Amino acid sequence: IITVTLSAADATAHIIENPFFPPSLHHYKLEITLLLIAALGAVFLKGFNEAIGVAVGLVIVYLLLNAVVIAIGLAEIVSKPDILFEWQDNLNGKFSNPVMMIVAAALLFPNLALGLSGFETGVAVMPQVKGDASDDRERPMGRIRNARNLLASSAIIMSVYLLGSSLITTTLIAEKEFQPGGKANGRALAYLAYEFLGPVFGTIYDISTIAILWFAGASAMAGLLNLVPNYLPKYGMAPEFIRATRPLTIFLTIICAAVTVWFEADVDAQGGAYATGVLALMASGAFAVTLSYWREGRTTLTWVFGGITAIFFYTLAVNISERPDGLEIAAFFILSILTTSIISRIFRSTELRADRIIADDEALLIIDHSRTHGTIRLVCNRPEGETVESLNRKEAEERAVHNIPAQDPIIFLEVYVPDSSEFSAELVVTGHRVGNHNILR
């Protein structure tokens, strides 16, 4: 949810900061953000595949425009090598040796948490990744392989672009322009696009940036539309209608709008919660991978991913200590989910928890035979390894207590519940005979 609201708020900030945007409309920040969220919801109401198609087109254009800006910036550095030497001199003046630089970078690393965003939604959209025709439902190796390719491609692209953009913005933009109110504050690459390629290209870049930020929430929305219907209704934590895509899309859009109003479409106010969520997800994921390799006895990989886990937990701890509001907001969301889930389970507790009933031939034969010999009497029986003698006693007791006529057949009903938390599952009925007694399990 925060991914959607933060992205829309950031897109609004870029709209307002564009030099061609009328200053008289600057105080409509909240309204513009709500309009962007509504538009995102409308795209998903149109269709899931259409939304993915729009996302692919926007990403391709955005990557191409950034490649042009980074290439021009690198060419400028190559043509004026003094820029790099000046930057190096500034670093040497601030830090006595490379070790101090590394320490400073490690201390500042948590501030770059937002730069890691994207991977968490990449994991959430794995159900949309195409696998092989021969994939097993329980372990789709083709989809797993292609999902790894997706994440690896994302990591490579993001690493190259982040390193390239960091280099050109650090060396080609004056420090004062990064300060609040500066021309490059919050839009460094856009500043360089205007500086080196003119207002026409700069405006095109701004439009692309606004579009990609607006639709950055699409991956989060896609993840929610994939995960929520598969888990929450199944365990009674949401109404059954949530399985339908369009009602869920409307519901999520309303929640995003409410969160936006709560934060007043402020990017900085949402940054803490977003960074906390991203880092918590990545730290827990890294810890899970470490445990997996440890159980497999792969010592080297255990130490490697253990180190990565330590880095993420350190970053998470620093982020929470500096911006505790993120933890508070995350706790509020968790409490809200738990509360609504408990209420939903209470109201759905009397539902018939079966999507469909599957009966084997013996069960159908028992039912048909009993139906032709009078009223069917179902008697609940605790499954405890029945014998003919125990069932004889049970039948005699039931006929005496409930005045069941001798001509009415009795069918013992035994219920096995593999997972009592599931609210929707297949009801499998099998027929059994113990002596003259019929049992449905």
Protein backbone atom coordinates (compact mmCIF):
# COMPACT_ATOMS: atom_id res chain seq x y z
CA ILE A 1 0.00 0.00 0.00
CA ILE A 2 2.78 2.42 0.94
CA THR A 3 4.50 1.62 -2.37
CA VAL A 4 1.41 2.82 -4.26
CA THR A 5 0.86 5.94 -2.17
CA LEU A 6 4.53 6.95 -2.00
CA SER A 7 5.01 6.51 -5.74
CA ALA A 8 1.93 8.57 -6.53
CA ALA A 9 3.01 11.30 -4.11
CA ASP A 10 6.50 11.35 -5.66
CA ALA A 11 4.97 11.65 -9.13
CA THR A 12 2.92 14.60 -7.91
CA ALA A 13 6.07 16.23 -6.53
CA HIS A 14 7.70 15.96 -9.96
CA ILE A 15 4.60 17.45 -11.61
CA ILE A 16 4.62 20.42 -9.28
CA GLU A 17 8.40 20.94 -9.59
CA ASN A 18 8.25 21.02 -13.40
CA PRO A 19 9.01 24.57 -14.61
CA PHE A 20 6.03 24.51 -16.98
CA PHE A 21 3.49 23.61 -14.27
CA PRO A 22 1.33 26.61 -13.25
CA PRO A 23 2.41 27.87 -9.80
CA SER A 24 -1.23 28.61 -8.97
CA LEU A 25 -1.92 24.85 -8.83
CA HIS A 26 0.91 23.98 -6.41
CA HIS A 27 -1.46 23.80 -3.43
CA TYR A 28 -3.49 21.01 -5.07
CA LYS A 29 -0.87 18.38 -4.24
CA LEU A 30 -3.29 16.08 -2.40
CA GLU A 31 -5.93 16.27 -5.11
CA ILE A 32 -3.43 15.48 -7.88
CA THR A 33 -2.10 12.48 -5.93
CA LEU A 34 -5.60 11.10 -5.38
CA LEU A 35 -6.29 11.52 -9.09
CA LEU A 36 -3.17 9.50 -9.95
CA ILE A 37 -4.17 6.70 -7.54
CA ALA A 38 -7.68 6.63 -9.01
CA ALA A 39 -6.20 6.42 -12.52
CA LEU A 40 -3.99 3.50 -11.46
CA GLY A 41 -7.01 1.70 -10.04
CA ALA A 42 -8.94 2.37 -13.28
CA VAL A 43 -6.17 0.76 -15.34
CA PHE A 44 -6.38 -2.42 -13.23
CA LEU A 45 -10.19 -2.38 -13.49
CA LYS A 46 -9.75 -2.38 -17.26
CA GLY A 47 -7.77 -5.59 -17.02
CA PHE A 48 -4.71 -7.18 -15.45
CA ASN A 49 -2.95 -7.91 -18.75
CA GLU A 50 -3.60 -4.35 -19.95
CA ALA A 51 -1.98 -3.00 -16.77
CA ILE A 52 1.11 -5.17 -17.27
CA GLY A 53 1.31 -4.01 -20.90
CA VAL A 54 1.24 -0.34 -19.86
CA ALA A 55 3.95 -1.01 -17.26
CA VAL A 56 6.26 -2.67 -19.81
CA GLY A 57 5.91 0.25 -22.24
CA LEU A 58 6.59 2.88 -19.57
CA VAL A 59 9.65 1.03 -18.26
CA ILE A 60 11.22 0.68 -21.72
CA VAL A 61 10.82 4.39 -22.47
CA TYR A 62 12.10 5.40 -19.04
CA LEU A 63 15.20 3.18 -19.26
CA LEU A 64 16.04 4.49 -22.73
CA LEU A 65 15.74 8.14 -21.65
CA ASN A 66 17.89 7.50 -18.58
CA ALA A 67 20.47 5.71 -20.71
CA VAL A 68 20.71 8.83 -22.90
CA VAL A 69 21.13 11.16 -19.89
CA ILE A 70 23.74 8.92 -18.24
CA ALA A 71 25.64 8.48 -21.51
CA ILE A 72 25.73 12.26 -22.08
CA GLY A 73 26.88 12.79 -18.50
CA LEU A 74 29.67 10.21 -18.79
CA ALA A 75 30.76 11.76 -22.10
CA GLU A 76 30.95 15.14 -20.37
CA ILE A 77 33.16 13.66 -17.64
CA VAL A 78 35.44 12.01 -20.22
CA SER A 79 35.79 15.27 -22.15
CA LYS A 80 36.62 17.15 -18.94
CA PRO A 81 38.73 14.79 -16.77
CA ASP A 82 39.46 17.63 -14.35
CA ILE A 83 35.98 17.07 -12.96
CA LEU A 84 36.98 13.67 -11.60
CA PHE A 85 40.26 14.96 -10.20
CA GLU A 86 38.43 17.78 -8.43
CA TRP A 87 35.96 15.29 -6.94
CA GLN A 88 38.83 13.05 -5.80
CA ASP A 89 40.60 16.02 -4.20
CA ASN A 90 37.44 16.89 -2.28
CA LEU A 91 37.21 13.32 -0.98
CA ASN A 92 40.86 13.28 0.06
CA GLY A 93 40.35 16.57 1.85
CA LYS A 94 37.44 15.22 3.88
CA PHE A 95 38.85 11.75 4.63
CA SER A 96 42.41 11.00 5.71
CA ASN A 97 42.50 7.48 4.20
CA PRO A 98 40.32 5.00 2.24
CA VAL A 99 39.36 3.14 5.42
CA MET A 100 37.61 6.25 6.72
CA MET A 101 35.74 6.51 3.42
CA ILE A 102 34.52 2.92 3.78
CA VAL A 103 33.44 3.54 7.39
CA ALA A 104 31.55 6.68 6.37
CA ALA A 105 29.90 4.82 3.49
CA ALA A 106 28.85 2.00 5.84
CA LEU A 107 27.34 4.50 8.28
CA LEU A 108 25.45 6.26 5.49
CA PHE A 109 24.32 3.05 3.77
CA PRO A 110 20.97 2.90 5.66
CA ASN A 111 20.05 6.25 4.08
CA LEU A 112 20.07 4.50 0.69
CA ALA A 113 17.35 2.03 1.70
CA LEU A 114 14.81 3.54 -0.70
CA GLY A 115 17.23 2.80 -3.53
CA LEU A 116 16.65 -0.91 -2.86
CA SER A 117 12.94 -0.63 -3.59
CA GLY A 118 11.56 -2.72 -6.40
CA PHE A 119 12.95 -6.11 -5.47
CA GLU A 120 10.21 -6.74 -2.92
CA THR A 121 7.49 -6.22 -5.52
CA GLY A 122 9.48 -8.33 -7.97
CA VAL A 123 9.06 -11.24 -5.59
CA ALA A 124 5.35 -10.51 -5.18
CA VAL A 125 4.63 -10.78 -8.91
CA MET A 126 6.28 -14.21 -9.28
CA PRO A 127 2.87 -15.85 -9.92
CA GLN A 128 2.77 -13.84 -13.18
CA VAL A 129 6.08 -15.26 -14.39
CA LYS A 130 5.65 -17.79 -17.20
CA GLY A 131 7.00 -21.27 -16.56
CA ASP A 132 7.42 -24.41 -18.64
CA ALA A 133 4.53 -26.48 -19.96
CA SER A 134 5.86 -29.42 -17.94
CA ASP A 135 5.93 -27.52 -14.62
CA ASP A 136 4.68 -29.36 -11.55
CA ARG A 137 2.01 -27.42 -9.62
CA GLU A 138 3.73 -27.96 -6.26
CA ARG A 139 7.24 -27.21 -7.55
CA PRO A 140 7.17 -25.28 -10.85
CA MET A 141 10.86 -25.39 -11.72
CA GLY A 142 10.41 -23.45 -14.96
CA ARG A 143 8.71 -20.57 -13.19
CA ILE A 144 11.31 -20.62 -10.41
CA ARG A 145 14.12 -20.46 -12.99
CA ASN A 146 12.50 -17.59 -14.89
CA ALA A 147 11.75 -15.73 -11.65
CA ARG A 148 15.45 -15.93 -10.77
CA ASN A 149 16.27 -14.55 -14.23
CA LEU A 150 13.80 -11.71 -13.60
CA LEU A 151 15.39 -10.77 -10.27
CA ALA A 152 18.94 -11.10 -11.63
CA SER A 153 18.08 -8.89 -14.61
CA SER A 154 16.52 -6.30 -12.30
CA ALA A 155 19.59 -6.32 -10.05
CA ILE A 156 22.00 -5.86 -12.96
CA ILE A 157 19.96 -3.07 -14.58
CA MET A 158 19.46 -1.23 -11.29
CA SER A 159 23.13 -1.56 -10.31
CA VAL A 160 24.39 -0.18 -13.63
CA TYR A 161 21.92 2.69 -13.65
CA LEU A 162 22.44 3.57 -9.98
CA LEU A 163 26.23 3.63 -10.27
CA GLY A 164 26.13 5.62 -13.51
CA SER A 165 23.58 8.14 -12.27
CA SER A 166 25.34 8.54 -8.91
CA LEU A 167 28.64 9.31 -10.63
CA ILE A 168 27.30 11.95 -13.02
CA THR A 169 25.04 13.68 -10.50
CA THR A 170 27.81 13.81 -7.87
CA THR A 171 30.44 15.21 -10.21
CA LEU A 172 28.38 17.43 -12.56
CA ILE A 173 25.96 19.14 -10.16
CA ALA A 174 27.00 21.78 -7.65
CA GLU A 175 26.36 20.86 -4.03
CA LYS A 176 24.13 23.89 -3.46
CA GLU A 177 21.64 22.63 -6.06
CA PHE A 178 20.93 19.56 -3.89
CA GLN A 179 19.88 21.68 -0.92
CA PRO A 180 16.17 22.31 -0.18
CA GLY A 181 14.91 24.74 -2.80
CA GLY A 182 17.78 23.89 -5.16
CA LYS A 183 17.09 23.08 -8.81
CA ALA A 184 18.38 19.50 -8.45
CA ASN A 185 16.72 18.70 -5.12
CA GLY A 186 14.73 15.51 -5.69
CA ARG A 187 15.23 15.61 -9.46
CA ALA A 188 18.97 15.42 -10.16
CA LEU A 189 18.78 13.50 -13.46
CA ALA A 190 15.98 15.75 -14.70
CA TYR A 191 18.21 18.74 -13.90
CA LEU A 192 20.99 17.25 -16.06
CA ALA A 193 18.50 16.45 -18.82
CA TYR A 194 17.53 20.13 -19.01
CA GLU A 195 21.16 21.25 -18.60
CA PHE A 196 22.71 19.16 -21.39
CA LEU A 197 19.83 18.29 -23.74
CA GLY A 198 17.56 21.32 -23.56
CA PRO A 199 14.00 22.04 -22.38
CA VAL A 200 12.26 19.82 -24.96
CA PHE A 201 14.14 16.65 -23.97
CA GLY A 202 13.96 17.71 -20.32
CA THR A 203 10.18 17.99 -20.49
CA ILE A 204 9.94 14.58 -22.19
CA TYR A 205 12.14 13.16 -19.43
CA ASP A 206 9.92 14.77 -16.78
CA ILE A 207 6.79 13.29 -18.36
CA SER A 208 8.42 9.85 -18.46
CA THR A 209 9.54 10.17 -14.83
CA ILE A 210 6.06 11.22 -13.72
CA ALA A 211 4.51 8.31 -15.63
CA ILE A 212 6.96 5.73 -14.24
CA LEU A 213 6.51 7.02 -10.68
CA TRP A 214 2.73 6.99 -11.08
CA PHE A 215 2.83 3.42 -12.37
CA ALA A 216 5.55 2.26 -9.97
CA GLY A 217 2.71 1.25 -7.70
CA ALA A 218 1.48 -1.13 -10.40
CA SER A 219 3.85 -3.90 -9.31
CA ALA A 220 2.67 -3.50 -5.72
CA MET A 221 -0.96 -3.55 -6.82
CA ALA A 222 -0.28 -6.61 -8.98
CA GLY A 223 1.37 -8.32 -6.00
CA LEU A 224 -1.63 -7.60 -3.78
CA LEU A 225 -4.05 -8.86 -6.44
CA ASN A 226 -2.00 -12.07 -6.63
CA LEU A 227 -1.43 -12.69 -2.92
CA VAL A 228 -4.60 -11.50 -1.16
CA PRO A 229 -7.13 -13.75 -3.02
CA ASN A 230 -4.89 -16.80 -2.60
CA TYR A 231 -4.44 -16.54 1.17
CA LEU A 232 -6.78 -14.25 3.12
CA PRO A 233 -10.18 -15.68 2.03
CA LYS A 234 -8.81 -19.23 2.23
CA TYR A 235 -8.11 -18.79 5.94
CA GLY A 236 -11.24 -16.76 6.67
CA MET A 237 -9.26 -13.52 7.07
CA ALA A 238 -11.30 -11.69 4.40
CA PRO A 239 -14.74 -12.04 2.78
CA GLU A 240 -15.05 -14.52 -0.08
CA PHE A 241 -15.83 -11.75 -2.62
CA ILE A 242 -12.23 -10.56 -2.24
CA ARG A 243 -11.27 -13.41 -4.60
CA ALA A 244 -12.78 -11.37 -7.46
CA THR A 245 -10.23 -9.00 -9.01
CA ARG A 246 -12.40 -5.93 -9.57
CA PRO A 247 -13.97 -5.65 -6.09
CA LEU A 248 -10.50 -6.16 -4.59
CA THR A 249 -9.04 -3.49 -6.90
CA ILE A 250 -11.70 -0.99 -5.79
CA PHE A 251 -11.13 -1.90 -2.13
CA LEU A 252 -7.34 -1.48 -2.40
CA THR A 253 -7.72 1.82 -4.28
CA ILE A 254 -9.94 3.17 -1.49
CA ILE A 255 -7.36 2.12 1.13
CA CYS A 256 -4.58 3.82 -0.87
CA ALA A 257 -6.65 6.99 -1.09
CA ALA A 258 -7.27 6.94 2.68
CA VAL A 259 -3.54 6.48 3.42
CA THR A 260 -2.70 9.33 1.04
CA VAL A 261 -5.12 11.65 2.83
CA TRP A 262 -3.68 10.56 6.18
CA PHE A 263 -0.13 11.44 5.08
CA GLU A 264 -1.33 14.50 3.13
CA ALA A 265 0.53 13.15 0.06
CA ASP A 266 3.87 13.94 1.72
CA VAL A 267 6.79 11.95 0.28
CA ASP A 268 9.09 12.42 3.28
CA ALA A 269 6.37 11.42 5.76
CA GLN A 270 5.87 8.10 3.96
CA GLY A 271 9.57 7.46 3.34
CA GLY A 272 10.21 6.07 6.82
CA ALA A 273 7.38 3.54 6.65
CA TYR A 274 8.36 2.49 3.15
CA ALA A 275 12.04 2.02 3.99
CA THR A 276 11.13 0.04 7.12
CA GLY A 277 8.89 -2.28 5.13
CA VAL A 278 11.43 -2.83 2.35
CA LEU A 279 14.30 -3.53 4.74
CA ALA A 280 12.21 -5.81 6.99
CA LEU A 281 11.18 -7.86 3.96
CA MET A 282 14.72 -8.11 2.60
CA ALA A 283 16.25 -8.89 5.99
CA SER A 284 13.74 -11.67 6.66
CA GLY A 285 14.24 -13.03 3.14
CA ALA A 286 18.01 -13.07 3.55
CA PHE A 287 17.63 -14.79 6.93
CA ALA A 288 15.37 -17.46 5.39
CA VAL A 289 17.94 -18.15 2.65
CA THR A 290 20.70 -18.39 5.27
CA LEU A 291 18.69 -20.94 7.28
CA SER A 292 17.99 -22.92 4.12
CA TYR A 293 21.68 -23.20 3.22
CA TRP A 294 22.58 -23.99 6.85
CA ARG A 295 20.12 -26.90 6.91
CA GLU A 296 21.58 -28.16 3.62
CA GLY A 297 25.06 -28.11 5.16
CA ARG A 298 26.48 -25.65 2.60
CA THR A 299 28.90 -23.82 4.90
CA THR A 300 30.36 -21.28 2.46
CA LEU A 301 26.98 -20.03 1.22
CA THR A 302 25.70 -19.98 4.80
CA TRP A 303 28.46 -17.55 5.79
CA VAL A 304 27.97 -15.44 2.64
CA PHE A 305 24.24 -15.01 3.13
CA GLY A 306 24.71 -14.71 6.88
CA GLY A 307 26.86 -11.65 6.21
CA ILE A 308 24.23 -10.22 3.87
CA THR A 309 21.58 -10.86 6.53
CA ALA A 310 23.68 -9.03 9.13
CA ILE A 311 24.02 -6.02 6.79
CA PHE A 312 20.27 -5.86 6.21
CA PHE A 313 19.43 -6.18 9.92
CA TYR A 314 22.00 -3.48 10.73
CA THR A 315 20.45 -1.23 8.09
CA LEU A 316 16.96 -1.97 9.41
CA ALA A 317 17.98 -1.21 13.00
CA VAL A 318 19.60 2.10 12.03
CA ASN A 319 16.60 3.06 9.92
CA ILE A 320 14.18 2.34 12.77
CA SER A 321 16.30 4.24 15.31
CA GLU A 322 16.52 7.29 13.03
CA ARG A 323 12.91 7.14 11.82
CA PRO A 324 10.79 5.30 14.41
CA ASP A 325 7.64 6.55 12.72
CA GLY A 326 8.16 3.84 10.11
CA LEU A 327 7.89 1.11 12.76
CA GLU A 328 4.83 2.79 14.28
CA ILE A 329 3.07 2.93 10.92
CA ALA A 330 4.02 -0.67 10.13
CA ALA A 331 2.66 -1.73 13.54
CA PHE A 332 -0.59 0.10 12.79
CA PHE A 333 -0.97 -1.77 9.48
CA ILE A 334 -0.23 -5.11 11.15
CA LEU A 335 -2.76 -4.38 13.91
CA SER A 336 -5.36 -3.35 11.32
CA ILE A 337 -4.86 -6.56 9.34
CA LEU A 338 -5.07 -8.72 12.48
CA THR A 339 -8.19 -6.91 13.71
CA THR A 340 -10.06 -7.16 10.41
CA SER A 341 -8.95 -10.77 10.00
CA ILE A 342 -10.26 -11.75 13.45
CA ILE A 343 -13.59 -10.01 12.76
CA SER A 344 -13.84 -11.76 9.39
CA ARG A 345 -13.11 -15.19 10.91
CA ILE A 346 -15.79 -14.61 13.55
CA PHE A 347 -18.45 -13.72 10.97
CA ARG A 348 -17.43 -16.59 8.67
CA SER A 349 -17.17 -19.20 11.42
CA THR A 350 -20.56 -20.75 10.55
CA GLU A 351 -19.88 -21.08 6.81
CA LEU A 352 -19.75 -24.45 5.08
CA ARG A 353 -16.02 -24.73 4.44
CA ALA A 354 -16.11 -26.65 1.19
CA ASP A 355 -15.63 -25.47 -2.38
CA ARG A 356 -16.86 -28.79 -3.74
CA ILE A 357 -17.61 -32.33 -2.55
CA ILE A 358 -15.80 -35.34 -4.00
CA ALA A 359 -17.23 -38.77 -3.14
CA ASP A 360 -15.71 -42.09 -4.14
CA ASP A 361 -17.72 -44.97 -5.63
CA GLU A 362 -18.10 -46.77 -2.30
CA ALA A 363 -19.49 -43.64 -0.61
CA LEU A 364 -22.03 -43.11 -3.40
CA LEU A 365 -23.03 -46.78 -3.22
CA ILE A 366 -23.62 -46.55 0.55
CA ILE A 367 -25.77 -43.43 0.14
CA ASP A 368 -27.83 -44.87 -2.73
CA HIS A 369 -28.40 -48.18 -0.91
CA SER A 370 -29.44 -46.46 2.33
CA ARG A 371 -31.79 -44.07 0.51
CA THR A 372 -33.83 -46.97 -0.88
CA HIS A 373 -34.27 -48.54 2.55
CA GLY A 374 -35.91 -45.71 4.47
CA THR A 375 -34.76 -42.45 6.02
CA ILE A 376 -31.00 -42.00 6.14
CA ARG A 377 -29.74 -41.51 9.70
CA LEU A 378 -26.29 -39.95 10.04
CA VAL A 379 -24.59 -40.61 13.36
CA CYS A 380 -21.38 -38.80 14.22
CA ASN A 381 -18.64 -41.09 15.38
CA ARG A 382 -15.22 -40.29 16.75
CA PRO A 383 -12.61 -42.08 14.60
CA GLU A 384 -10.77 -44.32 17.07
CA GLY A 385 -10.02 -47.52 15.18
CA GLU A 386 -13.55 -49.01 15.16
CA THR A 387 -14.33 -52.68 15.56
CA VAL A 388 -17.57 -54.50 14.83
CA GLU A 389 -18.27 -54.77 18.59
CA SER A 390 -17.72 -51.05 19.27
CA LEU A 391 -19.96 -50.06 16.36
CA ASN A 392 -22.67 -52.50 17.53
CA ARG A 393 -22.67 -50.80 20.95
CA LYS A 394 -22.67 -47.34 19.35
CA GLU A 395 -25.64 -48.18 17.09
CA ALA A 396 -27.63 -49.67 19.97
CA GLU A 397 -27.04 -46.56 22.10
CA GLU A 398 -28.06 -44.16 19.30
CA ARG A 399 -31.24 -46.07 18.45
CA ALA A 400 -32.24 -46.13 22.12
CA VAL A 401 -31.46 -42.49 22.87
CA HIS A 402 -32.93 -41.00 19.66
CA ASN A 403 -35.73 -43.54 19.06
CA ILE A 404 -34.44 -44.52 15.64
CA PRO A 405 -36.64 -47.19 14.03
CA ALA A 406 -34.98 -50.51 13.34
CA GLN A 407 -35.81 -50.31 9.62
CA ASP A 408 -33.98 -46.99 9.14
CA PRO A 409 -30.33 -47.57 8.19
CA ILE A 410 -27.61 -45.82 10.14
CA ILE A 411 -24.53 -44.38 8.48
CA PHE A 412 -21.66 -43.46 10.76
CA LEU A 413 -20.05 -40.13 9.85
CA GLU A 414 -16.40 -39.58 10.74
CA VAL A 415 -14.77 -36.21 10.08
CA TYR A 416 -11.06 -35.62 9.69
CA VAL A 417 -9.88 -31.99 9.59
CA PRO A 418 -6.30 -31.74 8.24
CA ASP A 419 -6.12 -27.96 8.77
CA SER A 420 -8.80 -26.33 10.90
CA SER A 421 -7.68 -22.85 9.83
CA GLU A 422 -8.73 -23.35 6.20
CA PHE A 423 -12.09 -21.85 5.23
CA SER A 424 -12.21 -23.25 1.70
CA ALA A 425 -11.13 -26.71 0.65
CA GLU A 426 -12.33 -29.81 -1.15
CA LEU A 427 -14.54 -32.09 0.95
CA VAL A 428 -13.41 -35.64 0.13
CA VAL A 429 -15.84 -38.39 1.16
CA THR A 430 -14.80 -42.05 1.17
CA GLY A 431 -17.01 -45.04 1.95
CA HIS A 432 -16.02 -47.90 4.27
CA ARG A 433 -17.67 -51.01 5.66
CA VAL A 434 -16.92 -52.60 9.03
CA GLY A 435 -19.00 -55.75 9.35
CA ASN A 436 -22.58 -54.71 8.57
CA HIS A 437 -21.91 -51.08 9.42
CA ASN A 438 -21.50 -48.32 6.82
CA ILE A 439 -19.07 -45.47 7.44
CA LEU A 440 -18.56 -42.21 5.54
CA ARG A 441 -15.20 -40.57 6.16
